[in-house]
């Protein structure tokens, strides 16, 4: 299934501008206007088995972000998941990343899924920004964005993953 239009950074399109504006507005907000992001550390484990990590956010934990993956090589890596909500509780962000930049694990699969919301922007990166280096996005053909998930494309994904970013809006059933 092809990625829905406007749901990923397509290289200068409206989605990337919208996401940049949303992130800038969020960064410049008054401290009390938006819930403080919740950041939780977790270990990404190699060995080829499928693992999941999830976190809830929002009033009554109405939103959930779930990271499911399988990876090979090396030892455990410390990753983080950060979640935050907008002032009106109708948008939330989920960022999953390796704080030290590039992961040295080989991912055989990945999926970041949201529950209670629909994705408005999703992006996957082979390398996360660290020190003076910038994020390096995966090629468009390596992943797909649906209404509720950002995931690898079997056969096209090159096994490098270091960061996922999702901006989602409350589902119509949640409004």
N, C-alpha and C. Protein backbone atom coordinates (compact mmCIF):
# COMPACT_ATOMS: atom_id res chain seq x y z
N UNK A 1 0.84 -1.17 0.00
CA UNK A 1 0.00 0.00 0.00
C UNK A 1 0.88 1.24 0.00
N UNK A 2 0.59 2.16 -0.87
CA UNK A 2 1.37 3.41 -0.94
C UNK A 2 1.03 4.29 0.25
N UNK A 3 1.97 5.15 0.58
CA UNK A 3 1.76 6.06 1.70
C UNK A 3 0.70 7.08 1.33
N UNK A 4 -0.20 7.38 2.25
CA UNK A 4 -1.20 8.41 1.97
C UNK A 4 -0.54 9.75 1.68
N UNK A 5 -1.14 10.48 0.80
CA UNK A 5 -0.63 11.79 0.42
C UNK A 5 -0.55 12.72 1.61
N UNK A 6 0.56 13.47 1.69
CA UNK A 6 0.69 14.47 2.73
C UNK A 6 1.07 13.93 4.10
N UNK A 7 1.41 12.67 4.20
CA UNK A 7 1.69 12.10 5.51
C UNK A 7 3.16 11.89 5.77
N UNK A 8 4.00 12.20 4.85
CA UNK A 8 5.44 12.07 5.10
C UNK A 8 6.16 13.22 4.48
N UNK A 9 7.41 13.36 4.87
CA UNK A 9 8.24 14.42 4.34
C UNK A 9 8.66 14.03 2.94
N UNK A 10 8.08 14.64 1.94
CA UNK A 10 8.37 14.28 0.57
C UNK A 10 9.38 15.20 -0.08
N UNK A 11 10.20 15.87 0.68
CA UNK A 11 11.24 16.72 0.10
C UNK A 11 10.73 18.09 -0.24
N UNK A 12 10.38 18.89 0.75
CA UNK A 12 9.99 20.26 0.49
C UNK A 12 8.51 20.45 0.26
N UNK A 13 7.70 19.40 0.43
CA UNK A 13 6.28 19.51 0.22
C UNK A 13 5.57 20.19 1.36
N UNK A 14 4.25 20.29 1.24
CA UNK A 14 3.44 20.92 2.26
C UNK A 14 3.51 20.22 3.60
N UNK A 15 3.65 18.89 3.59
CA UNK A 15 3.70 18.15 4.86
C UNK A 15 4.93 18.54 5.67
N UNK A 16 6.06 18.71 5.01
CA UNK A 16 7.27 19.05 5.76
C UNK A 16 7.16 20.48 6.30
N UNK A 17 6.57 21.39 5.55
CA UNK A 17 6.37 22.75 6.03
C UNK A 17 5.42 22.76 7.21
N UNK A 18 4.31 22.01 7.08
CA UNK A 18 3.35 21.93 8.17
C UNK A 18 3.99 21.38 9.43
N UNK A 19 4.74 20.31 9.29
CA UNK A 19 5.40 19.69 10.46
C UNK A 19 6.41 20.66 11.08
N UNK A 20 7.16 21.36 10.25
CA UNK A 20 8.14 22.32 10.77
C UNK A 20 7.43 23.44 11.53
N UNK A 21 6.32 23.94 10.99
CA UNK A 21 5.56 24.99 11.67
C UNK A 21 4.98 24.48 12.98
N UNK A 22 4.43 23.26 12.98
CA UNK A 22 3.87 22.69 14.20
C UNK A 22 4.95 22.52 15.26
N UNK A 23 6.09 21.99 14.86
CA UNK A 23 7.18 21.79 15.81
C UNK A 23 7.72 23.12 16.33
N UNK A 24 7.80 24.14 15.46
CA UNK A 24 8.28 25.46 15.89
C UNK A 24 7.28 26.09 16.86
N UNK A 25 5.99 25.98 16.54
CA UNK A 25 4.97 26.53 17.44
C UNK A 25 5.00 25.83 18.78
N UNK A 26 5.22 24.52 18.76
CA UNK A 26 5.28 23.75 19.99
C UNK A 26 6.49 24.18 20.82
N UNK A 27 7.61 24.41 20.17
CA UNK A 27 8.83 24.81 20.88
C UNK A 27 8.70 26.21 21.49
N UNK A 28 7.91 27.09 20.85
CA UNK A 28 7.78 28.47 21.31
C UNK A 28 6.58 28.70 22.23
N UNK A 29 5.88 27.65 22.58
CA UNK A 29 4.67 27.77 23.38
C UNK A 29 5.00 28.25 24.80
N UNK A 30 4.02 28.86 25.47
CA UNK A 30 4.22 29.14 26.90
C UNK A 30 4.33 27.81 27.64
N UNK A 31 5.15 27.79 28.67
CA UNK A 31 5.44 26.53 29.37
C UNK A 31 4.18 25.84 29.88
N UNK A 32 3.16 26.61 30.31
CA UNK A 32 1.98 25.98 30.87
C UNK A 32 0.95 25.59 29.82
N UNK A 33 1.13 25.97 28.56
CA UNK A 33 0.11 25.75 27.54
C UNK A 33 0.06 24.31 27.03
N UNK A 34 1.14 23.60 27.10
CA UNK A 34 1.21 22.24 26.57
C UNK A 34 1.81 21.35 27.63
N UNK A 35 1.32 20.12 27.70
CA UNK A 35 1.89 19.21 28.69
C UNK A 35 3.36 19.01 28.39
N UNK A 36 4.14 18.89 29.45
CA UNK A 36 5.57 18.62 29.27
C UNK A 36 5.72 17.26 28.60
N UNK A 37 6.62 17.15 27.64
CA UNK A 37 6.82 15.85 27.01
C UNK A 37 7.28 14.82 28.04
N UNK A 38 6.82 13.62 27.87
CA UNK A 38 7.24 12.50 28.69
C UNK A 38 8.29 11.73 27.91
N UNK A 39 9.47 11.55 28.47
CA UNK A 39 10.53 10.81 27.80
C UNK A 39 10.89 9.60 28.66
N UNK A 40 10.87 8.44 28.03
CA UNK A 40 11.16 7.19 28.72
C UNK A 40 12.26 6.46 27.96
N UNK A 41 13.27 6.01 28.68
CA UNK A 41 14.36 5.24 28.07
C UNK A 41 13.99 3.76 28.06
N UNK A 42 14.44 3.06 27.02
CA UNK A 42 14.22 1.62 26.93
C UNK A 42 15.37 1.01 26.13
N UNK A 43 15.56 -0.29 26.26
CA UNK A 43 16.61 -0.99 25.53
C UNK A 43 16.05 -1.61 24.27
N UNK A 44 16.73 -1.37 23.14
CA UNK A 44 16.45 -2.08 21.91
C UNK A 44 17.36 -3.30 21.92
N UNK A 45 16.77 -4.46 21.82
CA UNK A 45 17.49 -5.71 21.99
C UNK A 45 17.71 -6.43 20.66
N UNK A 46 18.95 -6.81 20.37
CA UNK A 46 19.20 -7.61 19.17
C UNK A 46 18.83 -9.07 19.41
N UNK A 47 19.05 -9.90 18.42
CA UNK A 47 18.80 -11.33 18.57
C UNK A 47 17.75 -11.86 17.61
N UNK A 48 17.11 -10.97 16.86
CA UNK A 48 16.16 -11.40 15.85
C UNK A 48 14.73 -11.58 16.32
N UNK A 49 14.49 -11.62 17.63
CA UNK A 49 13.12 -11.77 18.13
C UNK A 49 12.38 -10.44 18.00
N UNK A 50 11.06 -10.52 17.86
CA UNK A 50 10.23 -9.33 17.79
C UNK A 50 9.97 -8.82 19.21
N UNK A 51 10.23 -7.53 19.43
CA UNK A 51 10.01 -6.88 20.72
C UNK A 51 9.12 -5.66 20.52
N UNK A 52 8.42 -5.26 21.58
CA UNK A 52 7.58 -4.06 21.55
C UNK A 52 7.81 -3.23 22.80
N UNK A 53 7.66 -1.93 22.63
CA UNK A 53 7.70 -0.99 23.75
C UNK A 53 6.58 0.01 23.51
N UNK A 54 5.79 0.32 24.54
CA UNK A 54 4.70 1.27 24.35
C UNK A 54 4.62 2.24 25.52
N UNK A 55 4.00 3.37 25.25
CA UNK A 55 3.83 4.42 26.26
C UNK A 55 2.52 5.13 25.96
N UNK A 56 1.83 5.58 27.01
CA UNK A 56 0.57 6.31 26.89
C UNK A 56 0.79 7.77 27.26
N UNK A 57 -0.09 8.64 26.74
CA UNK A 57 -0.02 10.06 27.04
C UNK A 57 -1.41 10.65 26.88
N UNK A 58 -1.60 11.83 27.45
CA UNK A 58 -2.88 12.53 27.32
C UNK A 58 -3.79 12.23 28.49
N UNK A 59 -4.90 12.97 28.59
CA UNK A 59 -5.83 12.76 29.70
C UNK A 59 -6.41 11.35 29.63
N UNK A 60 -6.33 10.64 30.74
CA UNK A 60 -6.81 9.26 30.76
C UNK A 60 -5.99 8.34 29.89
N UNK A 61 -4.74 8.75 29.59
CA UNK A 61 -3.87 7.95 28.70
C UNK A 61 -4.57 7.62 27.39
N UNK A 62 -5.26 8.61 26.80
CA UNK A 62 -6.07 8.36 25.61
C UNK A 62 -5.26 8.05 24.35
N UNK A 63 -3.98 8.42 24.32
CA UNK A 63 -3.13 8.13 23.17
C UNK A 63 -2.06 7.12 23.56
N UNK A 64 -1.73 6.24 22.63
CA UNK A 64 -0.67 5.26 22.84
C UNK A 64 0.23 5.24 21.63
N UNK A 65 1.54 5.13 21.89
CA UNK A 65 2.53 4.95 20.83
C UNK A 65 3.20 3.60 21.11
N UNK A 66 3.26 2.75 20.10
CA UNK A 66 3.84 1.41 20.23
C UNK A 66 4.94 1.25 19.19
N UNK A 67 6.13 0.88 19.65
CA UNK A 67 7.26 0.62 18.77
C UNK A 67 7.53 -0.89 18.79
N UNK A 68 7.38 -1.53 17.63
CA UNK A 68 7.61 -2.96 17.48
C UNK A 68 8.73 -3.15 16.48
N UNK A 69 9.68 -4.03 16.80
CA UNK A 69 10.86 -4.17 15.94
C UNK A 69 11.50 -5.55 16.13
N UNK A 70 12.39 -5.87 15.21
CA UNK A 70 13.31 -7.01 15.35
C UNK A 70 14.64 -6.51 14.81
N UNK A 71 15.73 -6.84 15.52
CA UNK A 71 17.05 -6.38 15.09
C UNK A 71 18.10 -7.46 15.36
N UNK A 72 19.25 -7.30 14.71
CA UNK A 72 20.36 -8.24 14.81
C UNK A 72 21.65 -7.47 15.10
N UNK A 73 22.62 -8.18 15.67
CA UNK A 73 23.97 -7.65 15.82
C UNK A 73 24.19 -6.88 17.10
N UNK A 74 25.43 -6.92 17.58
CA UNK A 74 25.82 -6.11 18.72
C UNK A 74 25.14 -6.49 20.02
N UNK A 75 25.01 -5.49 20.89
CA UNK A 75 24.38 -5.66 22.20
C UNK A 75 23.22 -4.67 22.30
N UNK A 76 22.54 -4.70 23.43
CA UNK A 76 21.43 -3.76 23.64
C UNK A 76 21.88 -2.32 23.41
N UNK A 77 20.98 -1.52 22.87
CA UNK A 77 21.21 -0.08 22.73
C UNK A 77 20.15 0.65 23.52
N UNK A 78 20.53 1.74 24.16
CA UNK A 78 19.59 2.56 24.91
C UNK A 78 18.92 3.54 23.94
N UNK A 79 17.60 3.47 23.83
CA UNK A 79 16.80 4.35 23.00
C UNK A 79 15.85 5.13 23.90
N UNK A 80 15.14 6.11 23.31
CA UNK A 80 14.16 6.87 24.06
C UNK A 80 12.88 7.03 23.25
N UNK A 81 11.77 7.12 23.98
CA UNK A 81 10.48 7.45 23.37
C UNK A 81 9.98 8.70 24.10
N UNK A 82 9.66 9.75 23.33
CA UNK A 82 9.12 10.98 23.90
C UNK A 82 7.73 11.21 23.35
N UNK A 83 6.80 11.55 24.23
CA UNK A 83 5.43 11.84 23.84
C UNK A 83 4.99 13.15 24.45
N UNK A 84 4.20 13.92 23.71
CA UNK A 84 3.65 15.17 24.22
C UNK A 84 2.32 15.43 23.56
N UNK A 85 1.49 16.26 24.21
CA UNK A 85 0.18 16.60 23.66
C UNK A 85 0.05 18.10 23.50
N UNK A 86 -0.84 18.50 22.60
CA UNK A 86 -1.12 19.92 22.40
C UNK A 86 -2.00 20.43 23.54
N UNK A 87 -2.13 21.74 23.64
CA UNK A 87 -2.93 22.37 24.70
C UNK A 87 -4.36 21.86 24.69
N UNK A 88 -4.94 21.70 23.50
CA UNK A 88 -6.33 21.24 23.41
C UNK A 88 -6.46 19.72 23.46
N UNK A 89 -5.35 19.02 23.63
CA UNK A 89 -5.32 17.55 23.74
C UNK A 89 -5.78 16.85 22.47
N UNK A 90 -5.82 17.56 21.34
CA UNK A 90 -6.27 16.95 20.09
C UNK A 90 -5.13 16.47 19.19
N UNK A 91 -3.90 16.84 19.50
CA UNK A 91 -2.72 16.37 18.76
C UNK A 91 -1.73 15.79 19.74
N UNK A 92 -0.97 14.82 19.27
CA UNK A 92 0.14 14.34 20.08
C UNK A 92 1.30 13.97 19.19
N UNK A 93 2.48 14.00 19.78
CA UNK A 93 3.69 13.64 19.05
C UNK A 93 4.32 12.43 19.73
N UNK A 94 4.94 11.61 18.91
CA UNK A 94 5.68 10.45 19.41
C UNK A 94 6.99 10.42 18.64
N UNK A 95 8.09 10.52 19.37
CA UNK A 95 9.42 10.44 18.76
C UNK A 95 10.16 9.29 19.42
N UNK A 96 10.70 8.42 18.59
CA UNK A 96 11.45 7.25 19.04
C UNK A 96 12.83 7.38 18.43
N UNK A 97 13.88 7.36 19.26
CA UNK A 97 15.20 7.57 18.68
C UNK A 97 16.31 7.05 19.56
N UNK A 98 17.46 6.91 18.92
CA UNK A 98 18.69 6.58 19.63
C UNK A 98 19.41 7.90 19.88
N UNK A 99 19.52 8.34 21.14
CA UNK A 99 20.09 9.65 21.44
C UNK A 99 21.53 9.83 20.99
N UNK A 100 22.26 8.76 20.76
CA UNK A 100 23.65 8.88 20.34
C UNK A 100 23.81 8.84 18.83
N UNK A 101 22.75 9.17 18.10
CA UNK A 101 22.85 9.26 16.65
C UNK A 101 22.55 7.96 15.95
N UNK A 102 23.53 7.39 15.30
CA UNK A 102 23.34 6.21 14.48
C UNK A 102 23.28 4.93 15.31
N UNK A 103 22.31 4.10 14.97
CA UNK A 103 22.23 2.78 15.60
C UNK A 103 23.19 1.84 14.87
N UNK A 104 23.79 0.95 15.63
CA UNK A 104 24.68 -0.04 15.02
C UNK A 104 24.00 -1.39 14.86
N UNK A 105 22.72 -1.46 15.21
CA UNK A 105 21.96 -2.68 15.02
C UNK A 105 21.40 -2.72 13.59
N UNK A 106 21.15 -3.92 13.10
CA UNK A 106 20.52 -4.11 11.80
C UNK A 106 19.07 -4.49 12.06
N UNK A 107 18.16 -3.62 11.65
CA UNK A 107 16.74 -3.88 11.88
C UNK A 107 16.18 -4.70 10.73
N UNK A 108 15.55 -5.81 11.06
CA UNK A 108 14.90 -6.61 10.03
C UNK A 108 13.46 -6.16 9.82
N UNK A 109 12.91 -5.45 10.82
CA UNK A 109 11.57 -4.88 10.69
C UNK A 109 11.37 -3.80 11.75
N UNK A 110 10.42 -2.90 11.46
CA UNK A 110 10.01 -1.91 12.46
C UNK A 110 8.61 -1.43 12.15
N UNK A 111 7.92 -1.00 13.19
CA UNK A 111 6.58 -0.42 13.06
C UNK A 111 6.35 0.47 14.28
N UNK A 112 6.02 1.72 14.05
CA UNK A 112 5.61 2.64 15.11
C UNK A 112 4.14 2.92 14.88
N UNK A 113 3.33 2.53 15.83
CA UNK A 113 1.89 2.60 15.67
C UNK A 113 1.29 3.53 16.71
N UNK A 114 0.26 4.29 16.32
CA UNK A 114 -0.46 5.14 17.27
C UNK A 114 -1.86 4.58 17.45
N UNK A 115 -2.35 4.73 18.67
CA UNK A 115 -3.72 4.32 18.99
C UNK A 115 -4.43 5.52 19.58
N UNK A 116 -5.69 5.72 19.17
CA UNK A 116 -6.47 6.86 19.64
C UNK A 116 -6.29 8.08 18.76
N UNK A 117 -5.53 7.95 17.68
CA UNK A 117 -5.25 9.10 16.81
C UNK A 117 -4.92 8.61 15.40
N UNK A 118 -4.90 9.55 14.47
CA UNK A 118 -4.51 9.27 13.08
C UNK A 118 -3.31 10.13 12.73
N UNK A 119 -2.37 9.54 12.03
CA UNK A 119 -1.12 10.21 11.70
C UNK A 119 -1.35 11.31 10.67
N UNK A 120 -0.83 12.49 10.97
CA UNK A 120 -0.82 13.60 10.02
C UNK A 120 0.56 13.79 9.42
N UNK A 121 1.60 13.36 10.14
CA UNK A 121 2.97 13.44 9.64
C UNK A 121 3.75 12.29 10.24
N UNK A 122 4.51 11.60 9.40
CA UNK A 122 5.37 10.51 9.88
C UNK A 122 6.65 10.48 9.08
N UNK A 123 7.75 10.21 9.76
CA UNK A 123 9.05 10.16 9.08
C UNK A 123 9.95 9.17 9.79
N UNK A 124 10.80 8.49 9.01
CA UNK A 124 11.78 7.55 9.55
C UNK A 124 13.17 7.98 9.10
N UNK A 125 14.14 7.77 9.97
CA UNK A 125 15.51 8.22 9.72
C UNK A 125 16.51 7.09 9.94
N UNK A 126 17.53 7.03 9.08
CA UNK A 126 18.60 6.05 9.25
C UNK A 126 19.62 6.53 10.26
N UNK A 127 19.67 7.85 10.46
CA UNK A 127 20.61 8.44 11.41
C UNK A 127 19.92 9.60 12.11
N UNK A 128 20.03 9.63 13.45
CA UNK A 128 19.45 10.72 14.23
C UNK A 128 20.50 11.80 14.45
N UNK A 129 20.05 13.03 14.51
CA UNK A 129 20.97 14.15 14.75
C UNK A 129 21.75 13.92 16.04
N UNK A 130 23.05 14.20 15.98
CA UNK A 130 23.91 14.04 17.14
C UNK A 130 25.09 14.98 16.96
N UNK A 131 25.36 15.76 18.00
CA UNK A 131 26.41 16.77 17.97
C UNK A 131 26.23 17.67 16.76
N UNK A 132 27.14 17.67 15.80
CA UNK A 132 27.03 18.59 14.65
C UNK A 132 26.40 17.95 13.42
N UNK A 133 25.96 16.73 13.54
CA UNK A 133 25.38 16.04 12.38
C UNK A 133 23.86 16.13 12.40
N UNK A 134 23.26 16.09 11.23
CA UNK A 134 21.81 16.21 11.09
C UNK A 134 21.15 14.85 10.94
N UNK A 135 19.82 14.85 11.11
CA UNK A 135 19.04 13.65 10.82
C UNK A 135 19.23 13.27 9.36
N UNK A 136 19.26 11.98 9.08
CA UNK A 136 19.33 11.48 7.70
C UNK A 136 18.08 10.63 7.47
N UNK A 137 17.15 11.12 6.62
CA UNK A 137 15.91 10.37 6.41
C UNK A 137 16.13 9.10 5.59
N UNK A 138 15.27 8.11 5.84
CA UNK A 138 15.26 6.94 4.97
C UNK A 138 14.74 7.38 3.61
N UNK A 139 15.06 6.62 2.60
CA UNK A 139 14.50 6.88 1.27
C UNK A 139 13.01 6.55 1.32
N UNK A 140 12.22 7.29 0.56
CA UNK A 140 10.77 7.11 0.56
C UNK A 140 10.35 5.67 0.30
N UNK A 141 11.09 4.96 -0.53
CA UNK A 141 10.70 3.59 -0.85
C UNK A 141 11.01 2.59 0.27
N UNK A 142 11.75 3.01 1.30
CA UNK A 142 12.13 2.10 2.38
C UNK A 142 11.06 1.96 3.47
N UNK A 143 10.10 2.90 3.53
CA UNK A 143 9.09 2.84 4.58
C UNK A 143 7.77 3.38 4.06
N UNK A 144 6.71 3.11 4.81
CA UNK A 144 5.40 3.62 4.44
C UNK A 144 4.71 4.22 5.65
N UNK A 145 3.81 5.16 5.37
CA UNK A 145 3.03 5.82 6.41
C UNK A 145 1.56 5.57 6.08
N UNK A 146 0.85 5.01 7.06
CA UNK A 146 -0.59 4.80 6.91
C UNK A 146 -1.31 5.71 7.91
N UNK A 147 -2.59 5.53 8.07
CA UNK A 147 -3.35 6.35 9.02
C UNK A 147 -2.89 6.15 10.45
N UNK A 148 -2.35 4.96 10.76
CA UNK A 148 -2.02 4.67 12.16
C UNK A 148 -0.60 4.16 12.38
N UNK A 149 0.23 4.05 11.33
CA UNK A 149 1.57 3.48 11.55
C UNK A 149 2.60 3.98 10.54
N UNK A 150 3.85 3.96 11.00
CA UNK A 150 5.00 4.17 10.14
C UNK A 150 5.77 2.85 10.22
N UNK A 151 6.01 2.21 9.07
CA UNK A 151 6.64 0.89 9.11
C UNK A 151 7.56 0.66 7.92
N UNK A 152 8.42 -0.34 8.07
CA UNK A 152 9.37 -0.70 7.00
C UNK A 152 8.61 -1.28 5.81
N UNK A 153 9.22 -1.21 4.66
CA UNK A 153 8.69 -1.88 3.47
C UNK A 153 9.55 -3.11 3.22
N UNK A 154 8.97 -4.30 3.37
CA UNK A 154 9.75 -5.52 3.14
C UNK A 154 10.39 -5.52 1.75
N UNK A 155 11.65 -5.89 1.70
CA UNK A 155 12.38 -5.95 0.44
C UNK A 155 13.04 -4.64 0.03
N UNK A 156 12.58 -3.52 0.57
CA UNK A 156 13.15 -2.22 0.20
C UNK A 156 13.92 -1.59 1.36
N UNK A 157 13.54 -1.91 2.58
CA UNK A 157 14.17 -1.34 3.78
C UNK A 157 15.60 -1.86 3.88
N UNK A 158 16.57 -0.94 4.08
CA UNK A 158 17.99 -1.28 4.09
C UNK A 158 18.55 -1.58 5.49
N UNK A 159 17.69 -1.85 6.46
CA UNK A 159 18.06 -2.31 7.81
C UNK A 159 18.65 -1.24 8.72
N UNK A 160 18.67 0.03 8.30
CA UNK A 160 19.20 1.11 9.14
C UNK A 160 18.06 1.95 9.67
N UNK A 161 18.00 2.07 11.00
CA UNK A 161 16.97 2.87 11.65
C UNK A 161 17.57 3.49 12.90
N UNK A 162 17.34 4.78 13.09
CA UNK A 162 17.81 5.46 14.30
C UNK A 162 16.78 6.41 14.89
N UNK A 163 15.70 6.71 14.14
CA UNK A 163 14.72 7.67 14.65
C UNK A 163 13.41 7.55 13.88
N UNK A 164 12.31 7.74 14.59
CA UNK A 164 10.97 7.81 14.00
C UNK A 164 10.25 9.01 14.62
N UNK A 165 9.52 9.77 13.81
CA UNK A 165 8.77 10.92 14.29
C UNK A 165 7.34 10.82 13.78
N UNK A 166 6.38 10.98 14.70
CA UNK A 166 4.96 10.94 14.34
C UNK A 166 4.26 12.13 14.98
N UNK A 167 3.44 12.82 14.19
CA UNK A 167 2.52 13.84 14.69
C UNK A 167 1.13 13.32 14.33
N UNK A 168 0.26 13.18 15.33
CA UNK A 168 -1.05 12.58 15.09
C UNK A 168 -2.15 13.45 15.69
N UNK A 169 -3.35 13.29 15.13
CA UNK A 169 -4.53 14.03 15.59
C UNK A 169 -5.55 13.04 16.11
N UNK A 170 -6.30 13.44 17.13
CA UNK A 170 -7.32 12.57 17.71
C UNK A 170 -8.21 11.97 16.61
N UNK A 171 -8.48 10.68 16.72
CA UNK A 171 -9.38 10.02 15.78
C UNK A 171 -10.76 10.62 15.90
N UNK A 172 -11.53 10.54 14.81
CA UNK A 172 -12.89 11.09 14.83
C UNK A 172 -13.72 10.45 15.94
N UNK A 173 -13.48 9.18 16.22
CA UNK A 173 -14.23 8.50 17.28
C UNK A 173 -13.81 8.99 18.67
N UNK A 174 -12.62 9.65 18.76
CA UNK A 174 -12.12 10.16 20.04
C UNK A 174 -12.54 11.59 20.30
N UNK A 175 -13.03 12.30 19.28
CA UNK A 175 -13.37 13.72 19.45
C UNK A 175 -14.63 13.91 20.26
